[in-house]
C-alpha atoms as a PDB file:
ATOM      1  CA  MET A   1       0.000   0.000   0.000  1.00  0.00           C
ATOM      2  CA  ILE A   2       1.191   3.506  -0.879  1.00  0.00           C
ATOM      3  CA  ALA A   3       0.250   6.434   1.375  1.00  0.00           C
ATOM      4  CA  ARG A   4       0.141  10.062   0.196  1.00  0.00           C
ATOM      5  CA  ILE A   5       1.409  12.371   2.926  1.00  0.00           C
ATOM      6  CA  GLU A   6       0.909  16.108   2.753  1.00  0.00           C
ATOM      7  CA  GLY A   7       2.553  18.717   4.931  1.00  0.00           C
ATOM      8  CA  LEU A   8       5.697  16.776   5.811  1.00  0.00           C
ATOM      9  CA  PRO A   9       8.312  19.551   6.003  1.00  0.00           C
ATOM     10  CA  SER A  10      11.389  17.619   4.878  1.00  0.00           C
ATOM     11  CA  CYS A  11      12.425  14.032   4.270  1.00  0.00           C
ATOM     12  CA  LEU A  12      14.837  12.007   2.173  1.00  0.00           C
ATOM     13  CA  ASN A  13      14.189   9.181  -0.249  1.00  0.00           C
ATOM     14  CA  GLY A  14      14.488   5.923   1.693  1.00  0.00           C
ATOM     15  CA  GLU A  15      13.896   7.605   5.058  1.00  0.00           C
ATOM     16  CA  LEU A  16      11.865   5.828   7.735  1.00  0.00           C
ATOM     17  CA  LEU A  17       8.561   7.359   8.846  1.00  0.00           C
ATOM     18  CA  ASP A  18       6.554   6.872  12.027  1.00  0.00           C
ATOM     19  CA  MET A  19       2.907   6.724  10.932  1.00  0.00           C
ATOM     20  CA  GLY A  20       1.490   6.083  14.401  1.00  0.00           C
ATOM     21  CA  ASP A  21       0.021   3.029  16.136  1.00  0.00           C
ATOM     22  CA  GLY A  22       3.100   0.935  15.463  1.00  0.00           C
ATOM     23  CA  VAL A  23       2.979   1.381  11.665  1.00  0.00           C
ATOM     24  CA  ARG A  24       6.122   2.430   9.838  1.00  0.00           C
ATOM     25  CA  GLY A  25       6.550   3.893   6.393  1.00  0.00           C
ATOM     26  CA  LEU A  26       9.369   4.162   3.870  1.00  0.00           C
ATOM     27  CA  VAL A  27       9.711   7.185   1.611  1.00  0.00           C
ATOM     28  CA  MET A  28       9.622   5.976  -2.004  1.00  0.00           C
ATOM     29  CA  GLY A  29       9.069   9.155  -3.990  1.00  0.00           C
ATOM     30  CA  TYR A  30       7.497  12.566  -4.294  1.00  0.00           C
ATOM     31  CA  ASP A  31       5.182  14.560  -6.451  1.00  0.00           C
ATOM     32  CA  GLN A  32       4.418  18.290  -6.502  1.00  0.00           C
ATOM     33  CA  GLU A  33       2.047  18.113  -3.556  1.00  0.00           C
ATOM     34  CA  ALA A  34       2.816  15.102  -1.381  1.00  0.00           C
ATOM     35  CA  VAL A  35       5.306  12.493  -0.236  1.00  0.00           C
ATOM     36  CA  LEU A  36       4.649   8.922  -1.395  1.00  0.00           C
ATOM     37  CA  ALA A  37       5.486   6.345   1.270  1.00  0.00           C
ATOM     38  CA  LEU A  38       5.437   2.573   1.356  1.00  0.00           C
ATOM     39  CA  VAL A  39       3.399   1.310   4.325  1.00  0.00           C
ATOM     40  CA  LEU A  40       5.200  -1.290   6.446  1.00  0.00           C
ATOM     41  CA  GLY A  41       2.792  -3.031   8.780  1.00  0.00           C
ATOM     42  CA  ASP A  42      -0.953  -3.257   9.155  1.00  0.00           C
ATOM     43  CA  GLU A  43      -2.471  -0.618   6.889  1.00  0.00           C
ATOM     44  CA  ASN A  44      -5.831  -1.066   8.631  1.00  0.00           C
ATOM     45  CA  ARG A  45      -4.430   0.899  11.560  1.00  0.00           C
ATOM     46  CA  LEU A  46      -3.983   4.010   9.427  1.00  0.00           C
ATOM     47  CA  ARG A  47      -6.565   6.765   9.570  1.00  0.00           C
ATOM     48  CA  LEU A  48      -7.238   9.608   7.159  1.00  0.00           C
ATOM     49  CA  GLY A  49      -5.729  12.795   8.539  1.00  0.00           C
ATOM     50  CA  GLY A  50      -3.379  11.025  10.966  1.00  0.00           C
ATOM     51  CA  GLN A  51      -0.035  12.505  11.899  1.00  0.00           C
ATOM     52  CA  VAL A  52       3.222  11.275  10.369  1.00  0.00           C
ATOM     53  CA  ARG A  53       6.684  11.976  11.751  1.00  0.00           C
ATOM     54  CA  GLY A  54      10.023  11.604  10.018  1.00  0.00           C
ATOM     55  CA  VAL A  55      12.469   9.473  12.008  1.00  0.00           C
ATOM     56  CA  SER A  56      15.593  10.823  10.229  1.00  0.00           C
ATOM     57  CA  GLU A  57      17.192   7.388  10.001  1.00  0.00           C
ATOM     58  CA  PRO A  58      17.401   4.671   7.347  1.00  0.00           C
ATOM     59  CA  PHE A  59      15.144   1.638   7.310  1.00  0.00           C
ATOM     60  CA  VAL A  60      16.706  -0.965   9.612  1.00  0.00           C
ATOM     61  CA  ASN A  61      15.764  -4.547  10.489  1.00  0.00           C
ATOM     62  CA  PRO A  62      17.063  -6.883  13.210  1.00  0.00           C
ATOM     63  CA  VAL A  63      19.835  -9.379  12.478  1.00  0.00           C
ATOM     64  CA  GLY A  64      21.672 -11.914  14.598  1.00  0.00           C
ATOM     65  CA  ARG A  65      22.628 -15.507  15.240  1.00  0.00           C
ATOM     66  CA  GLY A  66      19.311 -16.164  16.936  1.00  0.00           C
ATOM     67  CA  TYR A  67      17.642 -16.222  13.519  1.00  0.00           C
ATOM     68  CA  VAL A  68      19.505 -19.372  12.430  1.00  0.00           C
ATOM     69  CA  GLY A  69      17.089 -22.284  12.323  1.00  0.00           C
ATOM     70  CA  ARG A  70      14.020 -20.050  12.308  1.00  0.00           C
ATOM     71  CA  THR A  71      11.440 -18.797   9.790  1.00  0.00           C
ATOM     72  CA  VAL A  72      10.861 -15.036   9.742  1.00  0.00           C
ATOM     73  CA  THR A  73       8.972 -12.416   7.733  1.00  0.00           C
ATOM     74  CA  ALA A  74      10.289  -9.398   5.840  1.00  0.00           C
ATOM     75  CA  LEU A  75      10.133  -7.347   9.064  1.00  0.00           C
ATOM     76  CA  GLY A  76      12.104  -9.865  11.134  1.00  0.00           C
ATOM     77  CA  VAL A  77       9.066 -11.275  12.954  1.00  0.00           C
ATOM     78  CA  PRO A  78       9.167 -15.070  13.519  1.00  0.00           C
ATOM     79  CA  CYS A  79       6.313 -16.919  11.806  1.00  0.00           C
ATOM     80  CA  ASP A  80       7.139 -20.500  12.799  1.00  0.00           C
ATOM     81  CA  GLY A  81       5.296 -20.474  16.124  1.00  0.00           C
ATOM     82  CA  GLY A  82       8.530 -20.345  18.125  1.00  0.00           C
ATOM     83  CA  ASP A  83       9.735 -17.986  20.829  1.00  0.00           C
ATOM     84  CA  PRO A  84      10.545 -14.331  20.097  1.00  0.00           C
ATOM     85  CA  ILE A  85      14.032 -13.768  18.691  1.00  0.00           C
ATOM     86  CA  ILE A  86      16.549 -11.531  20.439  1.00  0.00           C
ATOM     87  CA  ALA A  87      18.489  -9.622  17.795  1.00  0.00           C
ATOM     88  CA  ASP A  88      22.213  -8.984  18.089  1.00  0.00           C
ATOM     89  CA  GLU A  89      21.885  -5.632  16.318  1.00  0.00           C
ATOM     90  CA  HIS A  90      19.921  -3.687  13.730  1.00  0.00           C
ATOM     91  CA  MET A  91      21.317  -3.010  10.262  1.00  0.00           C
ATOM     92  CA  ALA A  92      20.154  -0.921   7.322  1.00  0.00           C
ATOM     93  CA  VAL A  93      18.214  -2.992   4.782  1.00  0.00           C
ATOM     94  CA  PHE A  94      19.149  -0.965   1.700  1.00  0.00           C
ATOM     95  CA  ARG A  95      22.934  -0.987   1.907  1.00  0.00           C
ATOM     96  CA  PRO A  96      25.435  -0.161  -0.830  1.00  0.00           C
ATOM     97  CA  SER A  97      27.327  -3.055  -2.362  1.00  0.00           C
ATOM     98  CA  PRO A  98      30.890  -3.579  -1.078  1.00  0.00           C
ATOM     99  CA  PRO A  99      33.514  -1.578  -2.999  1.00  0.00           C
ATOM    100  CA  ILE A 100      36.092  -3.274  -5.175  1.00  0.00           C
ATOM    101  CA  THR A 101      38.765  -2.607  -2.539  1.00  0.00           C
ATOM    102  CA  ALA A 102      36.899  -4.936  -0.148  1.00  0.00           C
ATOM    103  CA  ARG A 103      36.711  -7.812  -2.632  1.00  0.00           C
ATOM    104  CA  ALA A 104      39.028 -10.741  -3.278  1.00  0.00           C
ATOM    105  CA  PRO A 105      39.355 -13.102  -6.269  1.00  0.00           C
ATOM    106  CA  VAL A 106      36.847 -15.947  -6.495  1.00  0.00           C
ATOM    107  CA  ASP A 107      39.174 -18.938  -6.128  1.00  0.00           C
ATOM    108  CA  THR A 108      37.252 -21.476  -4.001  1.00  0.00           C
ATOM    109  CA  PHE A 109      35.085 -24.227  -5.450  1.00  0.00           C
ATOM    110  CA  PHE A 110      31.451 -24.166  -4.319  1.00  0.00           C
ATOM    111  CA  ASN A 111      29.847 -27.605  -4.043  1.00  0.00           C
ATOM    112  CA  THR A 112      26.169 -27.503  -5.053  1.00  0.00           C
ATOM    113  CA  GLY A 113      25.517 -31.162  -4.230  1.00  0.00           C
ATOM    114  CA  THR A 114      24.417 -31.849  -7.830  1.00  0.00           C
ATOM    115  CA  LYS A 115      27.206 -33.719  -9.657  1.00  0.00           C
ATOM    116  CA  ILE A 116      26.186 -32.745 -13.179  1.00  0.00           C
ATOM    117  CA  VAL A 117      26.121 -29.052 -12.216  1.00  0.00           C
ATOM    118  CA  ASP A 118      29.476 -29.228 -10.438  1.00  0.00           C
ATOM    119  CA  ALA A 119      31.031 -31.056 -13.415  1.00  0.00           C
ATOM    120  CA  MET A 120      29.668 -28.930 -16.271  1.00  0.00           C
ATOM    121  CA  ILE A 121      29.033 -25.520 -14.663  1.00  0.00           C
ATOM    122  CA  PRO A 122      31.352 -25.239 -11.636  1.00  0.00           C
ATOM    123  CA  ILE A 123      30.511 -22.376  -9.296  1.00  0.00           C
ATOM    124  CA  GLY A 124      32.953 -20.445  -7.129  1.00  0.00           C
ATOM    125  CA  GLY A 125      32.340 -19.289  -3.587  1.00  0.00           C
ATOM    126  CA  GLY A 126      31.193 -15.669  -3.769  1.00  0.00           C
ATOM    127  CA  GLN A 127      29.742 -15.992  -7.269  1.00  0.00           C
ATOM    128  CA  ARG A 128      26.272 -14.906  -8.400  1.00  0.00           C
ATOM    129  CA  GLN A 129      24.527 -17.612 -10.399  1.00  0.00           C
ATOM    130  CA  LEU A 130      21.124 -17.459 -12.085  1.00  0.00           C
ATOM    131  CA  ILE A 131      19.117 -20.698 -12.305  1.00  0.00           C
ATOM    132  CA  VAL A 132      16.739 -20.389 -15.257  1.00  0.00           C
ATOM    133  CA  GLY A 133      13.967 -22.764 -16.256  1.00  0.00           C
ATOM    134  CA  ASP A 134      10.257 -23.202 -16.844  1.00  0.00           C
ATOM    135  CA  ARG A 135       7.813 -24.052 -14.110  1.00  0.00           C
ATOM    136  CA  MET A 136       8.174 -27.445 -12.428  1.00  0.00           C
ATOM    137  CA  THR A 137      11.603 -28.159 -13.949  1.00  0.00           C
ATOM    138  CA  GLY A 138      13.462 -28.598 -10.651  1.00  0.00           C
ATOM    139  CA  LYS A 139      14.995 -25.157 -10.013  1.00  0.00           C
ATOM    140  CA  THR A 140      14.052 -25.222  -6.323  1.00  0.00           C
ATOM    141  CA  VAL A 141      15.360 -28.798  -6.000  1.00  0.00           C
ATOM    142  CA  ILE A 142      18.812 -27.671  -7.174  1.00  0.00           C
ATOM    143  CA  ALA A 143      18.764 -24.780  -4.712  1.00  0.00           C
ATOM    144  CA  LEU A 144      17.683 -26.984  -1.797  1.00  0.00           C
ATOM    145  CA  ASP A 145      20.382 -29.538  -2.670  1.00  0.00           C
ATOM    146  CA  ALA A 146      22.929 -26.713  -2.523  1.00  0.00           C
ATOM    147  CA  ILE A 147      21.660 -25.665   0.916  1.00  0.00           C
ATOM    148  CA  ILE A 148      21.839 -29.259   2.194  1.00  0.00           C
ATOM    149  CA  SER A 149      25.361 -29.680   0.807  1.00  0.00           C
ATOM    150  CA  GLN A 150      26.665 -26.390   2.218  1.00  0.00           C
ATOM    151  CA  SER A 151      25.018 -26.831   5.626  1.00  0.00           C
ATOM    152  CA  ARG A 152      27.330 -29.818   6.186  1.00  0.00           C
ATOM    153  CA  LYS A 153      30.332 -27.508   5.706  1.00  0.00           C
ATOM    154  CA  ASP A 154      29.280 -25.030   8.437  1.00  0.00           C
ATOM    155  CA  THR A 155      28.069 -22.487   5.900  1.00  0.00           C
ATOM    156  CA  ILE A 156      25.223 -20.231   6.985  1.00  0.00           C
ATOM    157  CA  CYS A 157      22.386 -20.739   4.484  1.00  0.00           C
ATOM    158  CA  ILE A 158      19.565 -18.263   3.880  1.00  0.00           C
ATOM    159  CA  TYR A 159      16.521 -19.379   1.906  1.00  0.00           C
ATOM    160  CA  CYS A 160      14.628 -16.277   0.759  1.00  0.00           C
ATOM    161  CA  CYS A 161      11.138 -17.169  -0.521  1.00  0.00           C
ATOM    162  CA  VAL A 162       9.334 -14.411  -2.412  1.00  0.00           C
ATOM    163  CA  GLY A 163       5.707 -14.845  -3.437  1.00  0.00           C
ATOM    164  CA  LYS A 164       5.554 -18.582  -2.736  1.00  0.00           C
ATOM    165  CA  SER A 165       2.583 -20.324  -1.157  1.00  0.00           C
ATOM    166  CA  LEU A 166       2.563 -21.334   2.485  1.00  0.00           C
ATOM    167  CA  ALA A 167       2.345 -24.999   1.463  1.00  0.00           C
ATOM    168  CA  GLY A 168       5.397 -24.642  -0.796  1.00  0.00           C
ATOM    169  CA  ILE A 169       7.489 -23.028   1.935  1.00  0.00           C
ATOM    170  CA  GLU A 170       6.434 -25.657   4.474  1.00  0.00           C
ATOM    171  CA  LYS A 171       7.398 -28.400   2.006  1.00  0.00           C
ATOM    172  CA  ALA A 172      10.835 -26.854   1.461  1.00  0.00           C
ATOM    173  CA  ALA A 173      11.380 -26.475   5.218  1.00  0.00           C
ATOM    174  CA  ALA A 174      10.378 -30.116   5.713  1.00  0.00           C
ATOM    175  CA  VAL A 175      12.997 -31.222   3.160  1.00  0.00           C
ATOM    176  CA  LEU A 176      15.674 -29.209   4.957  1.00  0.00           C
ATOM    177  CA  GLN A 177      14.553 -30.604   8.296  1.00  0.00           C
ATOM    178  CA  GLU A 178      14.689 -34.155   6.965  1.00  0.00           C
ATOM    179  CA  HIS A 179      18.343 -33.724   5.961  1.00  0.00           C
ATOM    180  CA  ASP A 180      19.343 -31.885   9.199  1.00  0.00           C
ATOM    181  CA  ALA A 181      20.018 -28.687   7.246  1.00  0.00           C
ATOM    182  CA  LEU A 182      17.428 -26.471   8.896  1.00  0.00           C
ATOM    183  CA  GLU A 183      19.577 -25.906  11.994  1.00  0.00           C
ATOM    184  CA  ARG A 184      22.085 -24.014   9.780  1.00  0.00           C
ATOM    185  CA  THR A 185      19.450 -22.262   7.647  1.00  0.00           C
ATOM    186  CA  ILE A 186      17.390 -19.102   7.992  1.00  0.00           C
ATOM    187  CA  VAL A 187      14.110 -19.306   6.084  1.00  0.00           C
ATOM    188  CA  MET A 188      12.863 -15.810   5.194  1.00  0.00           C
ATOM    189  CA  ALA A 189       9.385 -15.740   3.711  1.00  0.00           C
ATOM    190  CA  ALA A 190       7.061 -13.275   2.021  1.00  0.00           C
ATOM    191  CA  PHE A 191       4.057 -15.391   1.086  1.00  0.00           C
ATOM    192  CA  ASP A 192       1.954 -14.955  -2.025  1.00  0.00           C
ATOM    193  CA  SER A 193      -0.698 -13.423   0.262  1.00  0.00           C
ATOM    194  CA  SER A 194       1.789 -10.931   1.766  1.00  0.00           C
ATOM    195  CA  PRO A 195       1.637  -7.265   0.694  1.00  0.00           C
ATOM    196  CA  PRO A 196       3.841  -6.310  -2.277  1.00  0.00           C
ATOM    197  CA  ALA A 197       5.853  -4.117   0.084  1.00  0.00           C
ATOM    198  CA  GLU A 198       7.070  -7.133   2.054  1.00  0.00           C
ATOM    199  CA  GLN A 199       7.815  -9.076  -1.127  1.00  0.00           C
ATOM    200  CA  TYR A 200       9.886  -6.127  -2.386  1.00  0.00           C
ATOM    201  CA  ILE A 201      11.847  -5.687   0.844  1.00  0.00           C
ATOM    202  CA  LEU A 202      12.575  -9.343   1.615  1.00  0.00           C
ATOM    203  CA  PRO A 203      15.558 -10.046  -0.741  1.00  0.00           C
ATOM    204  CA  PHE A 204      17.326  -6.884   0.463  1.00  0.00           C
ATOM    205  CA  TYR A 205      16.702  -7.901   4.069  1.00  0.00           C
ATOM    206  CA  ALA A 206      18.076 -11.368   3.308  1.00  0.00           C
ATOM    207  CA  ALA A 207      21.225  -9.792   1.836  1.00  0.00           C
ATOM    208  CA  THR A 208      21.574  -7.649   4.958  1.00  0.00           C
ATOM    209  CA  MET A 209      21.290 -10.768   7.113  1.00  0.00           C
ATOM    210  CA  ALA A 210      24.023 -12.330   4.983  1.00  0.00           C
ATOM    211  CA  ASP A 211      26.174  -9.201   5.401  1.00  0.00           C
ATOM    212  CA  TYR A 212      26.009  -9.651   9.166  1.00  0.00           C
ATOM    213  CA  PHE A 213      27.493 -13.157   8.995  1.00  0.00           C
ATOM    214  CA  THR A 214      30.126 -12.364   6.358  1.00  0.00           C
ATOM    215  CA  ALA A 215      31.351  -9.528   8.576  1.00  0.00           C
ATOM    216  CA  GLN A 216      31.853 -12.182  11.272  1.00  0.00           C
ATOM    217  CA  GLY A 217      34.029 -14.210   8.899  1.00  0.00           C
ATOM    218  CA  GLU A 218      31.441 -16.886   8.032  1.00  0.00           C
ATOM    219  CA  ASP A 219      30.647 -18.020   4.495  1.00  0.00           C
ATOM    220  CA  VAL A 220      27.008 -17.559   3.469  1.00  0.00           C
ATOM    221  CA  LEU A 221      24.813 -19.103   0.788  1.00  0.00           C
ATOM    222  CA  LEU A 222      21.835 -16.931  -0.150  1.00  0.00           C
ATOM    223  CA  VAL A 223      19.088 -18.459  -2.306  1.00  0.00           C
ATOM    224  CA  VAL A 224      16.452 -16.086  -3.736  1.00  0.00           C
ATOM    225  CA  ASP A 225      13.355 -18.002  -4.882  1.00  0.00           C
ATOM    226  CA  ASP A 226      12.256 -16.410  -7.061  1.00  0.00           C
ATOM    227  CA  ILE A 227      13.354 -13.134  -8.631  1.00  0.00           C
ATOM    228  CA  SER A 228      10.399 -13.001 -11.051  1.00  0.00           C
ATOM    229  CA  LYS A 229       7.939 -12.681  -8.151  1.00  0.00           C
ATOM    230  CA  HIS A 230      10.113  -9.881  -6.781  1.00  0.00           C
ATOM    231  CA  ALA A 231       9.896  -8.090 -10.139  1.00  0.00           C
ATOM    232  CA  TRP A 232       6.105  -8.487 -10.099  1.00  0.00           C
ATOM    233  CA  ALA A 233       5.914  -6.941  -6.623  1.00  0.00           C
ATOM    234  CA  TYR A 234       8.121  -4.013  -7.647  1.00  0.00           C
ATOM    235  CA  ARG A 235       5.992  -3.507 -10.753  1.00  0.00           C
ATOM    236  CA  GLN A 236       2.872  -3.186  -8.576  1.00  0.00           C
ATOM    237  CA  LEU A 237       4.575  -0.648  -6.327  1.00  0.00           C
ATOM    238  CA  SER A 238       5.875   1.359  -9.288  1.00  0.00           C
ATOM    239  CA  LEU A 239       2.434   1.558 -10.879  1.00  0.00           C
ATOM    240  CA  LEU A 240       0.971   2.737  -7.564  1.00  0.00           C
ATOM    241  CA  LEU A 241       3.737   5.353  -7.411  1.00  0.00           C
ATOM    242  CA  GLU A 242       2.666   6.483 -10.915  1.00  0.00           C
ATOM    243  CA  ARG A 243       6.097   5.883 -12.399  1.00  0.00           C
ATOM    244  CA  PRO A 244       6.273   5.576 -16.192  1.00  0.00           C
ATOM    245  CA  PRO A 245       5.834   1.917 -17.155  1.00  0.00           C
ATOM    246  CA  GLY A 246       8.059   0.183 -19.665  1.00  0.00           C
ATOM    247  CA  ARG A 247       7.833  -3.123 -21.458  1.00  0.00           C
ATOM    248  CA  GLU A 248       5.087  -5.327 -19.970  1.00  0.00           C
ATOM    249  CA  ALA A 249       4.446  -2.479 -17.498  1.00  0.00           C
ATOM    250  CA  TYR A 250       7.757  -3.051 -15.691  1.00  0.00           C
ATOM    251  CA  PRO A 251       9.429   0.173 -14.501  1.00  0.00           C
ATOM    252  CA  GLY A 252      12.535   1.364 -16.252  1.00  0.00           C
ATOM    253  CA  ASP A 253      14.762   0.873 -13.215  1.00  0.00           C
ATOM    254  CA  ILE A 254      13.902  -2.781 -12.607  1.00  0.00           C
ATOM    255  CA  PHE A 255      17.346  -3.878 -13.826  1.00  0.00           C
ATOM    256  CA  TYR A 256      19.030  -1.350 -11.545  1.00  0.00           C
ATOM    257  CA  VAL A 257      17.055  -2.686  -8.563  1.00  0.00           C
ATOM    258  CA  HIS A 258      18.154  -6.263  -9.231  1.00  0.00           C
ATOM    259  CA  THR A 259      21.736  -5.215  -9.941  1.00  0.00           C
ATOM    260  CA  GLN A 260      21.761  -3.354  -6.636  1.00  0.00           C
ATOM    261  CA  LEU A 261      20.761  -6.620  -4.946  1.00  0.00           C
ATOM    262  CA  LEU A 262      23.074  -9.033  -6.793  1.00  0.00           C
ATOM    263  CA  GLU A 263      26.181  -6.855  -6.462  1.00  0.00           C
ATOM    264  CA  ARG A 264      26.105  -7.362  -2.698  1.00  0.00           C
ATOM    265  CA  ALA A 265      27.405 -10.909  -3.176  1.00  0.00           C
ATOM    266  CA  GLY A 266      31.073 -11.681  -3.588  1.00  0.00           C
ATOM    267  CA  ARG A 267      34.236 -12.913  -1.970  1.00  0.00           C
ATOM    268  CA  PHE A 268      35.739 -10.425   0.449  1.00  0.00           C
ATOM    269  CA  ASN A 269      39.300  -9.803   1.656  1.00  0.00           C
ATOM    270  CA  GLU A 270      40.500  -9.987   5.251  1.00  0.00           C
ATOM    271  CA  THR A 271      39.690  -6.357   6.012  1.00  0.00           C
ATOM    272  CA  ALA A 272      36.008  -7.065   5.149  1.00  0.00           C
ATOM    273  CA  GLY A 273      35.774 -10.325   7.095  1.00  0.00           C
ATOM    274  CA  GLY A 274      37.552 -12.731   4.744  1.00  0.00           C
ATOM    275  CA  ALA A 275      34.339 -14.643   3.970  1.00  0.00           C
ATOM    276  CA  SER A 276      32.096 -15.011   0.931  1.00  0.00           C
ATOM    277  CA  MET A 277      28.449 -14.553   0.042  1.00  0.00           C
ATOM    278  CA  THR A 278      27.340 -16.869  -2.753  1.00  0.00           C
ATOM    279  CA  MET A 279      23.987 -16.021  -4.307  1.00  0.00           C
ATOM    280  CA  LEU A 280      21.798 -18.446  -6.250  1.00  0.00           C
ATOM    281  CA  VAL A 281      18.907 -16.642  -7.920  1.00  0.00           C
ATOM    282  CA  LEU A 282      15.946 -18.561  -9.341  1.00  0.00           C
END
């Protein structure tokens, strides 16, 4: 949901807003008369004419080791019926990609657990790899096999599900549980019934969670399933923001948005933690 806010004296693009009653907002754009903000939370709590206050800080979400083995939403709230999670710290969701001075050559083999993939298309730790295919061709199976394989090597795995059904996410979690991989995996979910705002934010939040562990010197595997649903969610938000549509109504900056996400992966030198973030995108 997009809220039009009039009378806000000053704010920056990407700034966090306090919209009252526990609802937050994220500045996404402007027009000649109002600020356009993305509503984060229960929009039913908003009232016409309510007061909005700029927080003068970027949008942050909780991160920490307590999230390993749990299933959480795009706002860091556990949705697996478990106990509340105590975060180690809060980090900005929309972070710039690491500079070239913080990167190191990709020189370590990454075992996906699928022999034909490892033999014909070897992947390096810290690489970004797109898995392309039609529906029901086994893309998720390859990604889950990679998580199971890497979880046995003490790699932190993050499974980011965008726009998938609750049944599909439960099935994937059951497969990970069956192979004892869930205890090293963070499942981050924005269901197909979730607002487009949460589906848009989730992959960036997952990358921020991965940044936390790479800064601690731990290798991370991030699986984004899938990037098409993320593009659909961003298209809905862009049309609500009245941005000029492009081909198939996608906004012109859709490739920039995905590049901004994918460039956060890589292998990093010792000054940046000495770890790697490998990203598999479906």
